[in-house]
């Protein structure tokens, strides 16, 4: 099996066939030497893809549109209590979806929870365009905007302490570990003190 960094996998030059997209994590003894060998072979590769992340993610969504990831209906099944007080509640809850992509998290949730309002951001302009062109997109339910949370201040778009739940589905795993503390500080400013932030990193079924 070929082990490739996630950053390489979003490069259209590498994603010529769907099965080539793979993020493989292992604790087996053979994996560490293999990872060290790859790091020595491509010492500047991670930095290159981090610097050009916007371009590569934008190319990814131009190529795959909204057909790459499945809609995440499991969120309402497993964590529904975080998105609504109860099934009949009229209280509006605010969700911030960081790295919203084409909306595979957003639209299942707003369909399931009429009282949920979503702030959705992504580094890719094309991803934001896909969200806004979705048949279920409504401006009174979703505010989709371009943002790189590694450098952009969320307080310029969202009021402080106004968000109940933050989801970062496969988002933190796609950035440099050195940037993670600043990202968490960034989202902390808009998150209500008593609420939740959810980072989801397990592999999911990628294709419909």
N, C-alpha and C. Protein backbone atom coordinates (compact mmCIF):
# COMPACT_ATOMS: atom_id res chain seq x y z
N UNK A 1 0.85 -1.20 0.00
CA UNK A 1 0.00 0.00 0.00
C UNK A 1 0.88 1.24 0.00
N UNK A 2 0.50 2.23 -0.80
CA UNK A 2 1.21 3.49 -0.83
C UNK A 2 0.71 4.39 0.29
N UNK A 3 1.62 4.89 1.11
CA UNK A 3 1.25 5.81 2.17
C UNK A 3 1.50 7.22 1.69
N UNK A 4 0.46 8.05 1.66
CA UNK A 4 0.62 9.41 1.16
C UNK A 4 0.08 10.39 2.19
N UNK A 5 0.73 11.56 2.33
CA UNK A 5 0.17 12.60 3.20
C UNK A 5 -1.16 13.06 2.65
N UNK A 6 -2.06 13.47 3.56
CA UNK A 6 -3.37 13.94 3.13
C UNK A 6 -3.23 15.13 2.19
N UNK A 7 -2.23 15.99 2.43
CA UNK A 7 -2.04 17.15 1.57
C UNK A 7 -1.76 16.75 0.13
N UNK A 8 -0.98 15.68 -0.05
CA UNK A 8 -0.70 15.21 -1.41
C UNK A 8 -1.97 14.67 -2.04
N UNK A 9 -2.80 14.03 -1.23
CA UNK A 9 -3.99 13.38 -1.77
C UNK A 9 -4.99 14.35 -2.36
N UNK A 10 -4.96 15.62 -1.92
CA UNK A 10 -5.91 16.58 -2.49
C UNK A 10 -5.38 17.21 -3.77
N UNK A 11 -4.14 16.91 -4.13
CA UNK A 11 -3.57 17.42 -5.38
C UNK A 11 -4.19 16.64 -6.54
N UNK A 12 -4.87 17.32 -7.47
CA UNK A 12 -5.50 16.61 -8.60
C UNK A 12 -4.53 15.77 -9.41
N UNK A 13 -3.26 16.17 -9.41
CA UNK A 13 -2.28 15.38 -10.15
C UNK A 13 -2.11 14.00 -9.53
N UNK A 14 -2.36 13.90 -8.22
CA UNK A 14 -2.24 12.62 -7.54
C UNK A 14 -3.56 11.85 -7.55
N UNK A 15 -4.68 12.58 -7.51
CA UNK A 15 -6.00 11.95 -7.44
C UNK A 15 -6.53 11.58 -8.81
N UNK A 16 -5.78 10.87 -9.60
CA UNK A 16 -6.24 10.50 -10.93
C UNK A 16 -7.26 9.37 -10.86
N UNK A 17 -7.14 8.54 -9.84
CA UNK A 17 -8.13 7.49 -9.62
C UNK A 17 -8.58 7.59 -8.17
N UNK A 18 -9.84 7.32 -7.94
CA UNK A 18 -10.39 7.55 -6.60
C UNK A 18 -9.68 6.73 -5.53
N UNK A 19 -9.30 5.51 -5.87
CA UNK A 19 -8.72 4.67 -4.84
C UNK A 19 -7.36 5.17 -4.40
N UNK A 20 -6.79 6.15 -5.14
CA UNK A 20 -5.49 6.66 -4.75
C UNK A 20 -5.59 7.63 -3.58
N UNK A 21 -6.82 8.09 -3.25
CA UNK A 21 -6.97 8.95 -2.09
C UNK A 21 -6.98 8.06 -0.86
N UNK A 22 -5.92 8.12 -0.05
CA UNK A 22 -5.89 7.28 1.13
C UNK A 22 -5.10 7.97 2.23
N UNK A 23 -5.67 7.96 3.41
CA UNK A 23 -4.95 8.42 4.59
C UNK A 23 -4.78 7.19 5.47
N UNK A 24 -3.56 6.72 5.59
CA UNK A 24 -3.32 5.46 6.27
C UNK A 24 -2.52 5.72 7.54
N UNK A 25 -3.10 5.35 8.68
CA UNK A 25 -2.45 5.55 9.96
C UNK A 25 -2.27 4.20 10.63
N UNK A 26 -1.08 3.93 11.11
CA UNK A 26 -0.82 2.63 11.72
C UNK A 26 0.16 2.79 12.87
N UNK A 27 0.01 1.93 13.88
CA UNK A 27 0.95 1.88 14.99
C UNK A 27 1.84 0.64 14.89
N UNK A 28 1.81 -0.04 13.75
CA UNK A 28 2.65 -1.21 13.57
C UNK A 28 4.12 -0.80 13.52
N UNK A 29 5.03 -1.68 13.94
CA UNK A 29 6.46 -1.35 13.99
C UNK A 29 7.05 -0.93 12.66
N UNK A 30 6.51 -1.43 11.54
CA UNK A 30 7.08 -1.12 10.24
C UNK A 30 6.76 0.30 9.79
N UNK A 31 5.74 0.92 10.41
CA UNK A 31 5.25 2.20 9.90
C UNK A 31 6.22 3.34 10.17
N UNK A 32 6.81 3.39 11.38
CA UNK A 32 7.69 4.50 11.74
C UNK A 32 8.89 4.63 10.80
N UNK A 33 9.65 3.54 10.53
CA UNK A 33 10.76 3.67 9.57
C UNK A 33 10.30 4.13 8.20
N UNK A 34 9.13 3.67 7.79
CA UNK A 34 8.60 4.06 6.49
C UNK A 34 8.29 5.56 6.46
N UNK A 35 7.71 6.07 7.55
CA UNK A 35 7.39 7.49 7.63
C UNK A 35 8.65 8.35 7.64
N UNK A 36 9.68 7.88 8.36
CA UNK A 36 10.95 8.62 8.41
C UNK A 36 11.58 8.67 7.03
N UNK A 37 11.53 7.56 6.31
CA UNK A 37 12.08 7.51 4.96
C UNK A 37 11.36 8.50 4.04
N UNK A 38 10.04 8.56 4.16
CA UNK A 38 9.26 9.49 3.33
C UNK A 38 9.60 10.94 3.66
N UNK A 39 9.78 11.22 4.96
CA UNK A 39 10.10 12.59 5.37
C UNK A 39 11.46 13.02 4.84
N UNK A 40 12.42 12.09 4.80
CA UNK A 40 13.74 12.41 4.28
C UNK A 40 13.72 12.62 2.77
N UNK A 41 12.86 11.87 2.11
CA UNK A 41 12.78 11.97 0.65
C UNK A 41 12.13 13.26 0.22
N UNK A 42 11.14 13.74 1.01
CA UNK A 42 10.41 14.96 0.65
C UNK A 42 10.46 15.96 1.81
N UNK A 43 11.64 16.51 2.12
CA UNK A 43 11.78 17.36 3.31
C UNK A 43 10.96 18.64 3.26
N UNK A 44 10.72 19.16 2.06
CA UNK A 44 10.01 20.43 1.95
C UNK A 44 8.58 20.26 1.45
N UNK A 45 8.13 19.02 1.31
CA UNK A 45 6.83 18.78 0.70
C UNK A 45 5.68 19.29 1.56
N UNK A 46 5.76 19.01 2.87
CA UNK A 46 4.68 19.44 3.76
C UNK A 46 4.54 20.96 3.76
N UNK A 47 5.67 21.64 3.82
CA UNK A 47 5.64 23.11 3.80
C UNK A 47 5.05 23.63 2.49
N UNK A 48 5.40 22.98 1.38
CA UNK A 48 4.90 23.40 0.07
C UNK A 48 3.38 23.29 0.01
N UNK A 49 2.84 22.16 0.48
CA UNK A 49 1.40 21.97 0.41
C UNK A 49 0.66 22.84 1.42
N UNK A 50 1.27 23.12 2.56
CA UNK A 50 0.64 24.02 3.52
C UNK A 50 0.55 25.44 2.96
N UNK A 51 1.60 25.89 2.30
CA UNK A 51 1.61 27.24 1.74
C UNK A 51 0.61 27.38 0.60
N UNK A 52 0.35 26.30 -0.10
CA UNK A 52 -0.55 26.34 -1.26
C UNK A 52 -1.87 25.62 -0.99
N UNK A 53 -2.25 25.56 0.28
CA UNK A 53 -3.45 24.79 0.66
C UNK A 53 -4.70 25.30 -0.03
N UNK A 54 -4.85 26.62 -0.12
CA UNK A 54 -6.05 27.16 -0.76
C UNK A 54 -6.17 26.68 -2.20
N UNK A 55 -5.06 26.73 -2.93
CA UNK A 55 -5.08 26.32 -4.34
C UNK A 55 -5.45 24.85 -4.48
N UNK A 56 -4.85 23.99 -3.67
CA UNK A 56 -5.08 22.56 -3.83
C UNK A 56 -6.48 22.16 -3.38
N UNK A 57 -6.98 22.76 -2.29
CA UNK A 57 -8.35 22.45 -1.88
C UNK A 57 -9.35 22.99 -2.89
N UNK A 58 -9.07 24.15 -3.46
CA UNK A 58 -9.98 24.70 -4.47
C UNK A 58 -10.02 23.80 -5.70
N UNK A 59 -8.86 23.32 -6.12
CA UNK A 59 -8.81 22.39 -7.26
C UNK A 59 -9.54 21.08 -6.94
N UNK A 60 -9.43 20.65 -5.69
CA UNK A 60 -10.11 19.44 -5.25
C UNK A 60 -11.62 19.58 -5.42
N UNK A 61 -12.19 20.70 -4.97
CA UNK A 61 -13.65 20.88 -5.05
C UNK A 61 -14.10 21.21 -6.47
N UNK A 62 -13.24 21.80 -7.27
CA UNK A 62 -13.59 22.00 -8.67
C UNK A 62 -13.70 20.67 -9.39
N UNK A 63 -12.84 19.75 -9.02
CA UNK A 63 -12.83 18.43 -9.67
C UNK A 63 -13.99 17.56 -9.18
N UNK A 64 -14.17 17.49 -7.87
CA UNK A 64 -15.12 16.52 -7.30
C UNK A 64 -16.48 17.13 -6.97
N UNK A 65 -16.57 18.46 -6.91
CA UNK A 65 -17.81 19.16 -6.57
C UNK A 65 -18.35 18.63 -5.23
N UNK A 66 -19.61 18.25 -5.18
CA UNK A 66 -20.18 17.76 -3.92
C UNK A 66 -20.36 16.24 -3.92
N UNK A 67 -19.62 15.55 -4.78
CA UNK A 67 -19.83 14.11 -4.97
C UNK A 67 -18.77 13.24 -4.30
N UNK A 68 -17.81 13.85 -3.62
CA UNK A 68 -16.72 13.05 -3.06
C UNK A 68 -17.08 12.47 -1.69
N UNK A 69 -17.56 13.33 -0.78
CA UNK A 69 -17.92 12.87 0.56
C UNK A 69 -19.42 12.59 0.64
N UNK A 70 -19.78 11.64 1.47
CA UNK A 70 -21.19 11.34 1.70
C UNK A 70 -21.76 12.35 2.69
N UNK A 71 -23.07 12.61 2.60
CA UNK A 71 -23.73 13.43 3.61
C UNK A 71 -23.64 12.74 4.97
N UNK A 72 -23.36 13.53 6.00
CA UNK A 72 -23.05 12.97 7.31
C UNK A 72 -24.29 12.90 8.20
N UNK A 73 -25.18 11.99 7.87
CA UNK A 73 -26.40 11.83 8.65
C UNK A 73 -26.12 11.20 10.01
N UNK A 74 -24.94 10.61 10.19
CA UNK A 74 -24.63 9.98 11.46
C UNK A 74 -24.50 11.01 12.58
N UNK A 75 -24.28 12.28 12.25
CA UNK A 75 -24.14 13.30 13.29
C UNK A 75 -25.42 13.47 14.08
N UNK A 76 -26.55 13.50 13.38
CA UNK A 76 -27.83 13.67 14.07
C UNK A 76 -28.18 12.44 14.89
N UNK A 77 -27.72 11.27 14.44
CA UNK A 77 -28.01 10.03 15.16
C UNK A 77 -27.17 9.92 16.43
N UNK A 78 -25.89 10.27 16.32
CA UNK A 78 -24.96 10.07 17.43
C UNK A 78 -24.88 11.26 18.38
N UNK A 79 -25.01 12.47 17.85
CA UNK A 79 -24.77 13.67 18.65
C UNK A 79 -25.91 14.68 18.56
N UNK A 80 -27.11 14.19 18.32
CA UNK A 80 -28.24 15.08 18.16
C UNK A 80 -28.48 16.00 19.33
N UNK A 81 -28.12 15.55 20.55
CA UNK A 81 -28.37 16.35 21.75
C UNK A 81 -27.57 17.64 21.76
N UNK A 82 -26.48 17.68 20.98
CA UNK A 82 -25.67 18.89 20.94
C UNK A 82 -26.24 19.95 20.00
N UNK A 83 -27.09 19.54 19.08
CA UNK A 83 -27.61 20.47 18.08
C UNK A 83 -29.00 20.99 18.42
N UNK A 84 -29.63 20.42 19.43
CA UNK A 84 -30.97 20.84 19.82
C UNK A 84 -31.22 20.46 21.27
N UNK A 85 -31.95 21.32 21.99
CA UNK A 85 -32.30 21.00 23.38
C UNK A 85 -33.23 19.80 23.43
N UNK A 86 -34.21 19.78 22.54
CA UNK A 86 -35.11 18.64 22.38
C UNK A 86 -35.80 18.77 21.03
N UNK A 87 -36.54 17.75 20.67
CA UNK A 87 -37.13 17.71 19.32
C UNK A 87 -38.09 18.86 19.06
N UNK A 88 -38.73 19.39 20.13
CA UNK A 88 -39.73 20.44 19.95
C UNK A 88 -39.24 21.82 20.40
N UNK A 89 -37.95 21.93 20.64
CA UNK A 89 -37.41 23.19 21.16
C UNK A 89 -37.47 24.29 20.11
N UNK A 90 -37.81 25.50 20.59
CA UNK A 90 -37.84 26.67 19.69
C UNK A 90 -36.59 27.52 19.86
N UNK A 91 -35.70 27.11 20.75
CA UNK A 91 -34.47 27.86 20.99
C UNK A 91 -33.50 27.67 19.83
N UNK A 92 -33.01 28.75 19.30
CA UNK A 92 -32.07 28.69 18.19
C UNK A 92 -30.68 28.36 18.72
N UNK A 93 -30.06 27.34 18.15
CA UNK A 93 -28.67 27.04 18.46
C UNK A 93 -27.82 27.39 17.25
N UNK A 94 -26.61 27.83 17.54
CA UNK A 94 -25.70 28.25 16.48
C UNK A 94 -24.55 27.26 16.37
N UNK A 95 -24.36 26.75 15.17
CA UNK A 95 -23.26 25.83 14.87
C UNK A 95 -22.25 26.53 13.98
N UNK A 96 -20.98 26.40 14.32
CA UNK A 96 -19.91 26.83 13.43
C UNK A 96 -19.27 25.60 12.83
N UNK A 97 -19.35 25.47 11.52
CA UNK A 97 -18.72 24.36 10.80
C UNK A 97 -17.45 24.88 10.15
N UNK A 98 -16.30 24.48 10.69
CA UNK A 98 -15.00 24.92 10.18
C UNK A 98 -14.51 23.91 9.15
N UNK A 99 -14.24 24.38 7.94
CA UNK A 99 -13.90 23.47 6.86
C UNK A 99 -15.16 22.79 6.34
N UNK A 100 -16.13 23.61 5.93
CA UNK A 100 -17.46 23.09 5.60
C UNK A 100 -17.49 22.31 4.29
N UNK A 101 -16.48 22.50 3.42
CA UNK A 101 -16.49 21.80 2.15
C UNK A 101 -17.72 22.12 1.34
N UNK A 102 -18.32 21.10 0.74
CA UNK A 102 -19.49 21.29 -0.12
C UNK A 102 -20.80 21.26 0.65
N UNK A 103 -20.72 21.14 1.99
CA UNK A 103 -21.94 21.19 2.80
C UNK A 103 -22.47 19.84 3.24
N UNK A 104 -21.61 18.81 3.25
CA UNK A 104 -22.08 17.47 3.60
C UNK A 104 -22.46 17.33 5.08
N UNK A 105 -22.00 18.26 5.90
CA UNK A 105 -22.45 18.32 7.29
C UNK A 105 -23.64 19.25 7.44
N UNK A 106 -23.57 20.40 6.77
CA UNK A 106 -24.56 21.46 6.95
C UNK A 106 -25.98 21.02 6.63
N UNK A 107 -26.18 20.50 5.44
CA UNK A 107 -27.54 20.30 4.94
C UNK A 107 -28.30 19.16 5.63
N UNK A 108 -27.65 18.05 5.99
CA UNK A 108 -28.38 17.07 6.80
C UNK A 108 -28.82 17.64 8.15
N UNK A 109 -27.98 18.52 8.74
CA UNK A 109 -28.31 19.05 10.06
C UNK A 109 -29.42 20.09 10.02
N UNK A 110 -29.40 20.98 9.04
CA UNK A 110 -30.47 21.99 9.01
C UNK A 110 -31.81 21.36 8.61
N UNK A 111 -31.75 20.23 7.90
CA UNK A 111 -32.99 19.51 7.59
C UNK A 111 -33.55 18.83 8.83
N UNK A 112 -32.67 18.35 9.69
CA UNK A 112 -33.10 17.62 10.89
C UNK A 112 -33.49 18.56 12.02
N UNK A 113 -32.87 19.76 12.06
CA UNK A 113 -33.09 20.68 13.17
C UNK A 113 -33.50 22.05 12.65
N UNK A 114 -34.80 22.31 12.57
CA UNK A 114 -35.29 23.59 12.02
C UNK A 114 -34.84 24.81 12.82
N UNK A 115 -34.46 24.61 14.09
CA UNK A 115 -34.06 25.73 14.94
C UNK A 115 -32.55 25.99 14.89
N UNK A 116 -31.81 25.22 14.09
CA UNK A 116 -30.36 25.35 14.03
C UNK A 116 -29.94 26.39 12.99
N UNK A 117 -29.01 27.28 13.39
CA UNK A 117 -28.42 28.25 12.46
C UNK A 117 -26.95 27.91 12.31
N UNK A 118 -26.45 27.91 11.08
CA UNK A 118 -25.08 27.47 10.80
C UNK A 118 -24.22 28.60 10.26
N UNK A 119 -23.10 28.83 10.93
CA UNK A 119 -22.02 29.63 10.39
C UNK A 119 -21.04 28.64 9.75
N UNK A 120 -20.78 28.78 8.47
CA UNK A 120 -19.96 27.80 7.75
C UNK A 120 -18.82 28.49 7.03
N UNK A 121 -17.61 28.02 7.25
CA UNK A 121 -16.46 28.63 6.58
C UNK A 121 -15.56 27.57 5.98
N UNK A 122 -14.83 27.97 4.96
CA UNK A 122 -13.88 27.07 4.30
C UNK A 122 -12.78 27.91 3.66
N UNK A 123 -11.65 27.26 3.44
CA UNK A 123 -10.51 27.92 2.81
C UNK A 123 -10.66 28.00 1.29
N UNK A 124 -11.56 27.19 0.74
CA UNK A 124 -11.74 27.10 -0.71
C UNK A 124 -12.90 27.96 -1.20
N UNK A 125 -12.65 28.92 -2.08
CA UNK A 125 -13.75 29.71 -2.66
C UNK A 125 -14.77 28.84 -3.39
N UNK A 126 -14.29 27.79 -4.06
CA UNK A 126 -15.21 26.93 -4.81
C UNK A 126 -16.10 26.13 -3.87
N UNK A 127 -15.58 25.74 -2.72
CA UNK A 127 -16.41 25.03 -1.74
C UNK A 127 -17.54 25.93 -1.25
N UNK A 128 -17.23 27.19 -0.97
CA UNK A 128 -18.26 28.13 -0.52
C UNK A 128 -19.30 28.33 -1.61
N UNK A 129 -18.85 28.39 -2.86
CA UNK A 129 -19.79 28.54 -3.99
C UNK A 129 -20.71 27.32 -4.09
N UNK A 130 -20.17 26.13 -3.83
CA UNK A 130 -20.99 24.91 -3.86
C UNK A 130 -22.06 24.94 -2.77
N UNK A 131 -21.68 25.41 -1.59
CA UNK A 131 -22.66 25.51 -0.50
C UNK A 131 -23.78 26.47 -0.89
N UNK A 132 -23.42 27.63 -1.41
CA UNK A 132 -24.42 28.65 -1.73
C UNK A 132 -25.30 28.25 -2.92
N UNK A 133 -24.82 27.36 -3.76
CA UNK A 133 -25.61 26.92 -4.91
C UNK A 133 -26.45 25.68 -4.62
N UNK A 134 -26.32 25.14 -3.41
CA UNK A 134 -27.08 23.95 -3.02
C UNK A 134 -28.58 24.27 -2.99
N UNK A 135 -29.37 23.31 -3.40
CA UNK A 135 -30.82 23.51 -3.48
C UNK A 135 -31.44 23.84 -2.13
N UNK A 136 -30.83 23.38 -1.04
CA UNK A 136 -31.38 23.60 0.30
C UNK A 136 -30.76 24.81 1.00
N UNK A 137 -29.91 25.55 0.32
CA UNK A 137 -29.27 26.71 0.96
C UNK A 137 -30.27 27.84 1.14
N UNK A 138 -30.31 28.37 2.36
CA UNK A 138 -31.15 29.53 2.67
C UNK A 138 -30.33 30.48 3.54
N UNK A 139 -30.35 31.74 3.18
CA UNK A 139 -29.53 32.72 3.89
C UNK A 139 -29.97 32.90 5.34
N UNK A 140 -31.22 32.62 5.64
CA UNK A 140 -31.67 32.76 7.02
C UNK A 140 -31.32 31.54 7.88
N UNK A 141 -30.72 30.51 7.26
CA UNK A 141 -30.31 29.31 7.99
C UNK A 141 -28.80 29.11 7.97
N UNK A 142 -28.15 29.60 6.92
CA UNK A 142 -26.71 29.35 6.74
C UNK A 142 -26.01 30.63 6.30
N UNK A 143 -24.92 30.95 6.99
CA UNK A 143 -24.02 32.02 6.56
C UNK A 143 -22.70 31.37 6.15
N UNK A 144 -22.45 31.28 4.85
CA UNK A 144 -21.25 30.62 4.33
C UNK A 144 -20.25 31.69 3.90
N UNK A 145 -19.03 31.59 4.40
CA UNK A 145 -18.04 32.62 4.10
C UNK A 145 -16.64 32.02 4.00
N UNK A 146 -15.80 32.70 3.23
CA UNK A 146 -14.42 32.27 3.01
C UNK A 146 -13.58 32.65 4.22
N UNK A 147 -12.81 31.69 4.73
CA UNK A 147 -11.98 31.97 5.90
C UNK A 147 -10.90 30.89 6.04
N UNK A 148 -9.69 31.34 6.30
CA UNK A 148 -8.59 30.45 6.66
C UNK A 148 -8.36 30.63 8.15
N UNK A 149 -8.85 29.71 8.95
CA UNK A 149 -8.81 29.89 10.40
C UNK A 149 -7.40 29.81 10.97
N UNK A 150 -6.42 29.44 10.14
CA UNK A 150 -5.04 29.45 10.61
C UNK A 150 -4.48 30.86 10.66
N UNK A 151 -5.08 31.79 9.92
CA UNK A 151 -4.57 33.17 9.88
C UNK A 151 -5.66 34.23 10.05
N UNK A 152 -6.90 33.93 9.64
CA UNK A 152 -7.98 34.92 9.69
C UNK A 152 -8.67 34.90 11.05
N UNK A 153 -9.00 36.09 11.55
CA UNK A 153 -9.66 36.22 12.84
C UNK A 153 -11.16 36.00 12.68
N UNK A 154 -11.69 34.97 13.32
CA UNK A 154 -13.12 34.67 13.21
C UNK A 154 -13.99 35.78 13.78
N UNK A 155 -13.46 36.57 14.70
CA UNK A 155 -14.24 37.65 15.30
C UNK A 155 -14.59 38.74 14.29
N UNK A 156 -13.93 38.74 13.15
CA UNK A 156 -14.28 39.70 12.11
C UNK A 156 -15.57 39.30 11.39
N UNK A 157 -16.00 38.04 11.58
CA UNK A 157 -17.21 37.55 10.91
C UNK A 157 -18.29 37.08 11.88
N UNK A 158 -17.88 36.73 13.09
CA UNK A 158 -18.81 36.14 14.06
C UNK A 158 -18.66 36.85 15.39
N UNK A 159 -19.77 37.09 16.08
CA UNK A 159 -19.73 37.74 17.38
C UNK A 159 -19.06 36.85 18.42
N UNK A 160 -18.35 37.45 19.38
CA UNK A 160 -17.71 36.65 20.42
C UNK A 160 -18.74 35.91 21.28
N UNK A 161 -18.38 34.72 21.70
CA UNK A 161 -19.22 33.90 22.60
C UNK A 161 -20.65 33.75 22.09
N UNK A 162 -20.79 33.52 20.79
CA UNK A 162 -22.13 33.42 20.19
C UNK A 162 -22.44 32.04 19.63
N UNK A 163 -21.46 31.14 19.63
CA UNK A 163 -21.61 29.83 19.00
C UNK A 163 -21.78 28.74 20.05
N UNK A 164 -22.77 27.89 19.85
CA UNK A 164 -23.03 26.80 20.79
C UNK A 164 -22.16 25.58 20.54
N UNK A 165 -21.99 25.23 19.28
CA UNK A 165 -21.25 24.02 18.90
C UNK A 165 -20.35 24.33 17.72
N UNK A 166 -19.13 23.80 17.77
CA UNK A 166 -18.20 23.94 16.64
C UNK A 166 -17.82 22.55 16.16
N UNK A 167 -17.92 22.32 14.86
CA UNK A 167 -17.46 21.05 14.28
C UNK A 167 -16.27 21.32 13.39
N UNK A 168 -15.27 20.45 13.49
CA UNK A 168 -14.07 20.52 12.66
C UNK A 168 -13.83 19.13 12.08
N UNK A 169 -14.66 18.73 11.17
CA UNK A 169 -14.65 17.36 10.68
C UNK A 169 -13.50 17.16 9.69
N UNK A 170 -12.52 16.39 10.11
CA UNK A 170 -11.29 16.14 9.34
C UNK A 170 -10.50 17.43 9.10
N UNK A 171 -10.80 18.48 9.83
CA UNK A 171 -10.15 19.76 9.57
C UNK A 171 -8.78 19.84 10.25
N UNK A 172 -8.72 19.58 11.55
CA UNK A 172 -7.44 19.69 12.26
C UNK A 172 -6.41 18.69 11.73
N UNK A 173 -6.88 17.54 11.28
CA UNK A 173 -5.95 16.53 10.76
C UNK A 173 -5.36 16.94 9.42
N UNK A 174 -5.89 18.00 8.81
CA UNK A 174 -5.41 18.44 7.50
C UNK A 174 -4.49 19.65 7.59
N UNK A 175 -4.16 20.09 8.81
CA UNK A 175 -3.27 21.24 8.96
C UNK A 175 -2.04 20.84 9.75
N UNK A 176 -1.04 21.69 9.70
CA UNK A 176 0.20 21.43 10.43
C UNK A 176 -0.07 21.44 11.93
N UNK A 177 0.51 20.50 12.68
CA UNK A 177 0.34 20.51 14.14
C UNK A 177 0.77 21.82 14.79
N UNK A 178 1.72 22.51 14.17
CA UNK A 178 2.18 23.78 14.73
C UNK A 178 1.09 24.86 14.68
N UNK A 179 0.12 24.70 13.78
CA UNK A 179 -0.95 25.70 13.65
C UNK A 179 -2.16 25.38 14.52
N UNK A 180 -2.21 24.18 15.08
CA UNK A 180 -3.39 23.77 15.83
C UNK A 180 -3.68 24.65 17.04
N UNK A 181 -2.67 25.03 17.86
CA UNK A 181 -2.97 25.89 19.01
C UNK A 181 -3.61 27.22 18.62
N UNK A 182 -3.13 27.85 17.56
CA UNK A 182 -3.70 29.13 17.13
C UNK A 182 -5.12 28.95 16.60
N UNK A 183 -5.38 27.81 15.94
CA UNK A 183 -6.74 27.52 15.46
C UNK A 183 -7.70 27.38 16.64
N UNK A 184 -7.28 26.65 17.66
CA UNK A 184 -8.13 26.44 18.83
C UNK A 184 -8.38 27.74 19.57
N UNK A 185 -7.37 28.60 19.66
CA UNK A 185 -7.56 29.91 20.28
C UNK A 185 -8.53 30.75 19.46
N UNK A 186 -8.45 30.63 18.15
CA UNK A 186 -9.33 31.38 17.26
C UNK A 186 -10.79 30.99 17.46
N UNK A 187 -11.06 29.70 17.49
CA UNK A 187 -12.45 29.26 17.63
C UNK A 187 -12.96 29.44 19.06
N UNK A 188 -12.05 29.44 20.02
CA UNK A 188 -12.45 29.62 21.41
C UNK A 188 -13.11 30.98 21.62
N UNK A 189 -12.68 31.98 20.87
CA UNK A 189 -13.20 33.34 21.04
C UNK A 189 -14.68 33.45 20.68
N UNK A 190 -15.15 32.59 19.78
CA UNK A 190 -16.55 32.68 19.36
C UNK A 190 -17.43 31.64 20.04
N UNK A 191 -16.83 30.74 20.78
CA UNK A 191 -17.57 29.63 21.40
C UNK A 191 -18.07 30.03 22.78
N UNK A 192 -19.33 29.71 23.07
CA UNK A 192 -19.87 29.91 24.41
C UNK A 192 -19.11 29.03 25.40
N UNK A 193 -18.90 29.54 26.58
CA UNK A 193 -18.03 28.87 27.54
C UNK A 193 -18.50 27.47 27.92
N UNK A 194 -19.81 27.26 27.95
CA UNK A 194 -20.32 25.99 28.47
C UNK A 194 -20.66 24.99 27.37
N UNK A 195 -20.35 25.32 26.12
CA UNK A 195 -20.77 24.45 25.04
C UNK A 195 -19.61 23.61 24.53
N UNK A 196 -19.73 23.10 23.31
CA UNK A 196 -18.87 22.02 22.88
C UNK A 196 -18.18 22.30 21.56
N UNK A 197 -17.01 21.72 21.42
CA UNK A 197 -16.31 21.73 20.14
C UNK A 197 -16.01 20.29 19.77
N UNK A 198 -16.36 19.89 18.56
CA UNK A 198 -16.23 18.49 18.15
C UNK A 198 -15.25 18.36 16.99
N UNK A 199 -14.16 17.64 17.20
CA UNK A 199 -13.23 17.33 16.12
C UNK A 199 -13.38 15.87 15.80
N UNK A 200 -13.69 15.56 14.55
CA UNK A 200 -13.95 14.18 14.13
C UNK A 200 -12.84 13.76 13.19
N UNK A 201 -12.12 12.69 13.52
CA UNK A 201 -11.00 12.28 12.69
C UNK A 201 -11.03 10.84 12.19
N UNK A 202 -12.00 9.99 12.57
CA UNK A 202 -11.96 8.63 12.03
C UNK A 202 -12.23 8.62 10.54
N UNK A 203 -11.76 7.57 9.88
CA UNK A 203 -12.04 7.43 8.46
C UNK A 203 -13.53 7.17 8.25
N UNK A 204 -14.08 7.72 7.19
CA UNK A 204 -15.47 7.48 6.85
C UNK A 204 -15.53 6.93 5.43
N UNK A 205 -16.69 6.45 5.04
CA UNK A 205 -16.88 6.02 3.66
C UNK A 205 -16.90 7.27 2.80
N UNK A 206 -15.94 7.39 1.88
CA UNK A 206 -15.75 8.64 1.18
C UNK A 206 -16.65 8.80 -0.02
N UNK A 207 -17.07 7.72 -0.62
CA UNK A 207 -17.77 7.82 -1.89
C UNK A 207 -19.19 7.29 -1.79
N UNK A 208 -20.07 7.87 -2.54
CA UNK A 208 -21.43 7.37 -2.62
C UNK A 208 -21.45 6.15 -3.52
